[in-house]
Amino acid sequence: KALGVKNLQKFNFIERPASGSIKRALEHVYALGALDNRGELSSLGRTMSKLPLDPMYAKAIITAGELGCTEEVIKLVSALSVDSLFFTPSKERQRADAARMKFASPDGDHLTCL
C-alpha cells in the first residue's frame, strides 16, 4: 500500500502469495490502525511504513513515543528481533547458563531482556 498499490489481490506478484495470506496481512495491518475503513493507508500507516520493521513492532515504537517509553520499547523490539540474546558455547554451557542467570528476572523473559 505504501508503494501505491491500490489492490493487492490483483497485483502482479513475481511469486503470488495465497489470497488468504494477503487477506490476513491486510486484516492485521487494519487491526493495528495502519489502514482506514476504505483500505487506504492511514497517517499512522504511512509513519509505520517508514520503519523497516514488522508492522507490530513499528506500531509499538510509535505508541511508545506517545507514552514516553521509547527507549524501553526499542530495547524490547531489538531483543525480540533476534533468535537469542545470549551466546552459549557448547563447551562452556554451565558457565554460560550461570552468567545468564545474573540477568534473569522473576517477572518474565521480557524484563530479563531489558
C-alpha atoms as a PDB file:
ATOM      1  CA  LYS A   1       0.000   0.000   0.000  1.00  0.00           C
ATOM      2  CA  ALA A   2       2.823   2.417   0.876  1.00  0.00           C
ATOM      3  CA  LEU A   3       4.232   1.927  -2.641  1.00  0.00           C
ATOM      4  CA  GLY A   4       0.944   2.968  -4.240  1.00  0.00           C
ATOM      5  CA  VAL A   5      -0.539  -0.474  -4.908  1.00  0.00           C
ATOM      6  CA  LYS A   6      -4.297   0.023  -4.718  1.00  0.00           C
ATOM      7  CA  ASN A   7      -5.492  -3.585  -4.959  1.00  0.00           C
ATOM      8  CA  LEU A   8      -3.116  -6.218  -3.608  1.00  0.00           C
ATOM      9  CA  GLN A   9      -5.446  -9.033  -4.711  1.00  0.00           C
ATOM     10  CA  LYS A  10      -4.907  -8.025  -8.366  1.00  0.00           C
ATOM     11  CA  PHE A  11      -1.225  -7.032  -8.098  1.00  0.00           C
ATOM     12  CA  ASN A  12       1.090  -8.927 -10.475  1.00  0.00           C
ATOM     13  CA  PHE A  13       3.467 -10.540  -7.954  1.00  0.00           C
ATOM     14  CA  ILE A  14       6.527 -12.429  -9.212  1.00  0.00           C
ATOM     15  CA  GLU A  15       5.531 -15.246  -6.844  1.00  0.00           C
ATOM     16  CA  ARG A  16       1.935 -14.754  -5.838  1.00  0.00           C
ATOM     17  CA  PRO A  17       1.184 -15.455  -2.155  1.00  0.00           C
ATOM     18  CA  ALA A  18      -2.013 -17.298  -1.341  1.00  0.00           C
ATOM     19  CA  SER A  19      -5.006 -14.966  -1.401  1.00  0.00           C
ATOM     20  CA  GLY A  20      -5.766 -15.987   2.182  1.00  0.00           C
ATOM     21  CA  SER A  21      -2.314 -14.779   3.207  1.00  0.00           C
ATOM     22  CA  ILE A  22      -2.898 -11.393   1.584  1.00  0.00           C
ATOM     23  CA  LYS A  23      -6.290 -11.119   3.273  1.00  0.00           C
ATOM     24  CA  ARG A  24      -4.847 -11.980   6.715  1.00  0.00           C
ATOM     25  CA  ALA A  25      -1.998  -9.489   6.241  1.00  0.00           C
ATOM     26  CA  LEU A  26      -4.452  -6.718   5.344  1.00  0.00           C
ATOM     27  CA  GLU A  27      -6.634  -7.604   8.336  1.00  0.00           C
ATOM     28  CA  HIS A  28      -3.560  -7.499  10.564  1.00  0.00           C
ATOM     29  CA  VAL A  29      -2.432  -4.024   9.477  1.00  0.00           C
ATOM     30  CA  TYR A  30      -6.054  -2.819   9.639  1.00  0.00           C
ATOM     31  CA  ALA A  31      -6.254  -4.032  13.255  1.00  0.00           C
ATOM     32  CA  LEU A  32      -3.059  -2.106  14.002  1.00  0.00           C
ATOM     33  CA  GLY A  33      -4.639   1.067  12.592  1.00  0.00           C
ATOM     34  CA  ALA A  34      -2.409   1.249   9.509  1.00  0.00           C
ATOM     35  CA  LEU A  35      -5.407   1.116   7.139  1.00  0.00           C
ATOM     36  CA  ASP A  36      -8.602   3.137   7.269  1.00  0.00           C
ATOM     37  CA  ASN A  37     -12.135   1.800   6.647  1.00  0.00           C
ATOM     38  CA  ARG A  38     -11.641   2.084   2.856  1.00  0.00           C
ATOM     39  CA  GLY A  39      -8.422   0.039   2.952  1.00  0.00           C
ATOM     40  CA  GLU A  40      -6.216   3.063   2.325  1.00  0.00           C
ATOM     41  CA  LEU A  41      -3.115   3.853   4.373  1.00  0.00           C
ATOM     42  CA  SER A  42      -3.895   5.948   7.416  1.00  0.00           C
ATOM     43  CA  SER A  43      -1.454   8.589   8.653  1.00  0.00           C
ATOM     44  CA  LEU A  44      -0.303   6.033  11.234  1.00  0.00           C
ATOM     45  CA  GLY A  45       0.180   3.510   8.424  1.00  0.00           C
ATOM     46  CA  ARG A  46       2.330   5.975   6.473  1.00  0.00           C
ATOM     47  CA  THR A  47       4.504   6.504   9.546  1.00  0.00           C
ATOM     48  CA  MET A  48       4.698   2.756  10.192  1.00  0.00           C
ATOM     49  CA  SER A  49       5.727   2.106   6.574  1.00  0.00           C
ATOM     50  CA  LYS A  50       8.799   4.303   7.027  1.00  0.00           C
ATOM     51  CA  LEU A  51      10.178   1.982   9.703  1.00  0.00           C
ATOM     52  CA  PRO A  52      11.937  -1.135   8.357  1.00  0.00           C
ATOM     53  CA  LEU A  53      10.187  -3.337  10.902  1.00  0.00           C
ATOM     54  CA  ASP A  54       7.379  -5.821  11.290  1.00  0.00           C
ATOM     55  CA  PRO A  55       4.165  -3.713  11.458  1.00  0.00           C
ATOM     56  CA  MET A  56       3.517  -4.761  15.069  1.00  0.00           C
ATOM     57  CA  TYR A  57       6.976  -3.560  16.133  1.00  0.00           C
ATOM     58  CA  ALA A  58       6.573  -0.304  14.203  1.00  0.00           C
ATOM     59  CA  LYS A  59       3.246   0.375  15.937  1.00  0.00           C
ATOM     60  CA  ALA A  60       4.778  -0.450  19.332  1.00  0.00           C
ATOM     61  CA  ILE A  61       7.615   2.043  18.819  1.00  0.00           C
ATOM     62  CA  ILE A  62       5.287   4.783  17.571  1.00  0.00           C
ATOM     63  CA  THR A  63       2.924   4.244  20.524  1.00  0.00           C
ATOM     64  CA  ALA A  64       5.887   4.193  22.905  1.00  0.00           C
ATOM     65  CA  GLY A  65       6.818   7.666  21.672  1.00  0.00           C
ATOM     66  CA  GLU A  66       3.358   8.881  22.622  1.00  0.00           C
ATOM     67  CA  LEU A  67       3.640   7.263  26.062  1.00  0.00           C
ATOM     68  CA  GLY A  68       7.199   8.399  26.799  1.00  0.00           C
ATOM     69  CA  CYS A  69       8.816   4.962  26.919  1.00  0.00           C
ATOM     70  CA  THR A  70      10.518   4.763  23.524  1.00  0.00           C
ATOM     71  CA  GLU A  71      13.910   3.625  24.813  1.00  0.00           C
ATOM     72  CA  GLU A  72      12.435   0.685  26.696  1.00  0.00           C
ATOM     73  CA  VAL A  73      10.288  -0.451  23.766  1.00  0.00           C
ATOM     74  CA  ILE A  74      13.172  -0.144  21.297  1.00  0.00           C
ATOM     75  CA  LYS A  75      15.207  -2.395  23.590  1.00  0.00           C
ATOM     76  CA  LEU A  76      12.377  -4.926  23.693  1.00  0.00           C
ATOM     77  CA  VAL A  77      11.861  -4.820  19.918  1.00  0.00           C
ATOM     78  CA  SER A  78      15.595  -5.285  19.415  1.00  0.00           C
ATOM     79  CA  ALA A  79      15.613  -8.267  21.747  1.00  0.00           C
ATOM     80  CA  LEU A  80      12.567  -9.820  20.078  1.00  0.00           C
ATOM     81  CA  SER A  81      14.079  -9.357  16.609  1.00  0.00           C
ATOM     82  CA  VAL A  82      16.926 -11.827  17.152  1.00  0.00           C
ATOM     83  CA  ASP A  83      16.941 -15.561  17.783  1.00  0.00           C
ATOM     84  CA  SER A  84      18.733 -15.309  21.118  1.00  0.00           C
ATOM     85  CA  LEU A  85      20.346 -12.562  23.146  1.00  0.00           C
ATOM     86  CA  PHE A  86      22.729 -14.969  24.780  1.00  0.00           C
ATOM     87  CA  PHE A  87      25.529 -16.985  23.225  1.00  0.00           C
ATOM     88  CA  THR A  88      26.069 -20.395  24.766  1.00  0.00           C
ATOM     89  CA  PRO A  89      29.293 -22.105  23.704  1.00  0.00           C
ATOM     90  CA  SER A  90      28.759 -25.860  23.785  1.00  0.00           C
ATOM     91  CA  LYS A  91      31.988 -26.478  25.712  1.00  0.00           C
ATOM     92  CA  GLU A  92      31.065 -23.991  28.454  1.00  0.00           C
ATOM     93  CA  ARG A  93      27.324 -24.458  28.796  1.00  0.00           C
ATOM     94  CA  GLN A  94      27.243 -24.459  32.619  1.00  0.00           C
ATOM     95  CA  ARG A  95      29.349 -21.318  32.874  1.00  0.00           C
ATOM     96  CA  ALA A  96      27.223 -19.554  30.242  1.00  0.00           C
ATOM     97  CA  ASP A  97      23.994 -20.593  31.993  1.00  0.00           C
ATOM     98  CA  ALA A  98      25.332 -19.267  35.307  1.00  0.00           C
ATOM     99  CA  ALA A  99      26.276 -15.954  33.688  1.00  0.00           C
ATOM    100  CA  ARG A 100      22.842 -15.690  32.055  1.00  0.00           C
ATOM    101  CA  MET A 101      21.114 -16.223  35.416  1.00  0.00           C
ATOM    102  CA  LYS A 102      22.607 -12.915  36.622  1.00  0.00           C
ATOM    103  CA  PHE A 103      20.233 -11.210  34.182  1.00  0.00           C
ATOM    104  CA  ALA A 104      17.141 -13.319  34.900  1.00  0.00           C
ATOM    105  CA  SER A 105      14.053 -11.561  36.224  1.00  0.00           C
ATOM    106  CA  PRO A 106      11.379 -13.473  38.133  1.00  0.00           C
ATOM    107  CA  ASP A 107       8.847 -11.192  36.418  1.00  0.00           C
ATOM    108  CA  GLY A 108       9.406 -12.731  32.986  1.00  0.00           C
ATOM    109  CA  ASP A 109      11.552 -13.020  29.893  1.00  0.00           C
ATOM    110  CA  HIS A 110      10.825  -9.516  28.598  1.00  0.00           C
ATOM    111  CA  LEU A 111      12.198  -7.948  31.762  1.00  0.00           C
ATOM    112  CA  THR A 112      15.183 -10.275  31.559  1.00  0.00           C
ATOM    113  CA  CYS A 113      15.846  -8.868  28.068  1.00  0.00           C
ATOM    114  CA  LEU A 114      15.822  -5.317  29.418  1.00  0.00           C
END
